[in-house]
C-alpha atoms as a PDB file:
ATOM      1  CA  MET A   1     114.947 330.555  72.290  1.00  0.00           C
ATOM      2  CA  ARG A   2     113.289 333.921  72.667  1.00  0.00           C
ATOM      3  CA  VAL A   3     115.132 334.534  75.932  1.00  0.00           C
ATOM      4  CA  LEU A   4     118.512 333.950  74.257  1.00  0.00           C
ATOM      5  CA  LYS A   5     117.647 336.527  71.620  1.00  0.00           C
ATOM      6  CA  TYR A   6     116.797 339.040  74.355  1.00  0.00           C
ATOM      7  CA  VAL A   7     119.980 338.306  76.321  1.00  0.00           C
ATOM      8  CA  GLY A   8     122.096 338.519  73.172  1.00  0.00           C
ATOM      9  CA  GLY A   9     120.604 341.909  72.325  1.00  0.00           C
ATOM     10  CA  LEU A  10     121.177 343.104  75.868  1.00  0.00           C
ATOM     11  CA  VAL A  11     124.834 342.048  75.825  1.00  0.00           C
ATOM     12  CA  ARG A  12     125.350 343.618  72.388  1.00  0.00           C
ATOM     13  CA  GLU A  13     123.772 346.878  73.553  1.00  0.00           C
ATOM     14  CA  PHE A  14     125.937 346.881  76.679  1.00  0.00           C
ATOM     15  CA  PHE A  15     129.143 346.528  74.666  1.00  0.00           C
ATOM     16  CA  GLN A  16     128.005 349.206  72.226  1.00  0.00           C
ATOM     17  CA  PHE A  17     127.428 351.506  75.196  1.00  0.00           C
ATOM     18  CA  ALA A  18     130.912 350.797  76.549  1.00  0.00           C
ATOM     19  CA  TRP A  19     132.458 351.334  73.105  1.00  0.00           C
ATOM     20  CA  HIS A  20     130.584 354.570  72.435  1.00  0.00           C
ATOM     21  CA  ASN A  21     131.348 356.112  75.837  1.00  0.00           C
ATOM     22  CA  LYS A  22     134.942 354.823  75.809  1.00  0.00           C
ATOM     23  CA  ALA A  23     134.407 353.016  79.088  1.00  0.00           C
ATOM     24  CA  TRP A  24     137.050 350.383  78.418  1.00  0.00           C
ATOM     25  CA  TRP A  25     137.249 349.355  82.073  1.00  0.00           C
ATOM     26  CA  ILE A  26     133.688 347.984  81.978  1.00  0.00           C
ATOM     27  CA  ILE A  27     134.403 345.340  79.322  1.00  0.00           C
ATOM     28  CA  PRO A  28     136.779 343.091  81.366  1.00  0.00           C
ATOM     29  CA  ILE A  29     134.473 343.261  84.376  1.00  0.00           C
ATOM     30  CA  ALA A  30     131.478 342.254  82.264  1.00  0.00           C
ATOM     31  CA  LEU A  31     133.397 339.394  80.637  1.00  0.00           C
ATOM     32  CA  VAL A  32     134.479 338.020  84.027  1.00  0.00           C
ATOM     33  CA  LEU A  33     130.913 338.229  85.330  1.00  0.00           C
ATOM     34  CA  LEU A  34     129.575 336.445  82.240  1.00  0.00           C
ATOM     35  CA  LEU A  35     132.229 333.742  82.614  1.00  0.00           C
ATOM     36  CA  LEU A  36     131.400 333.231  86.303  1.00  0.00           C
ATOM     37  CA  THR A  37     127.697 333.035  85.482  1.00  0.00           C
ATOM     38  CA  PHE A  38     128.418 330.416  82.833  1.00  0.00           C
ATOM     39  CA  PHE A  39     130.436 328.350  85.333  1.00  0.00           C
ATOM     40  CA  VAL A  40     127.696 328.526  87.970  1.00  0.00           C
ATOM     41  CA  PHE A  41     125.028 327.328  85.544  1.00  0.00           C
ATOM     42  CA  THR A  42     127.141 324.523  84.126  1.00  0.00           C
ATOM     43  CA  SER A  43     128.302 323.302  87.519  1.00  0.00           C
ATOM     44  CA  SER A  44     124.765 323.230  88.897  1.00  0.00           C
ATOM     45  CA  SER A  45     123.539 321.117  85.989  1.00  0.00           C
ATOM     46  CA  VAL A  46     126.460 318.663  86.157  1.00  0.00           C
ATOM     47  CA  ALA A  47     126.350 318.075  89.925  1.00  0.00           C
ATOM     48  CA  PRO A  48     123.362 315.663  89.970  1.00  0.00           C
ATOM     49  CA  PHE A  49     125.065 313.436  87.419  1.00  0.00           C
ATOM     50  CA  ILE A  50     128.281 313.334  89.432  1.00  0.00           C
ATOM     51  CA  TYR A  51     126.408 312.335  92.597  1.00  0.00           C
ATOM     52  CA  THR A  52     124.877 309.316  90.871  1.00  0.00           C
ATOM     53  CA  LEU A  53     128.318 307.981  89.971  1.00  0.00           C
ATOM     54  CA  PHE A  54     129.274 307.568  93.629  1.00  0.00           C
END
């Protein structure tokens, strides 16, 4: 739970940096990277359960 608090603070600080410096181009890139990271973690945890079905 402590790690999630750290990651949440890091993401919040990153978006505050982008907002303050008017670096709007960074926000879509960061969102795509976060989305891809989420998909990689969820697909790696689901794969062992799919293999047992076959």
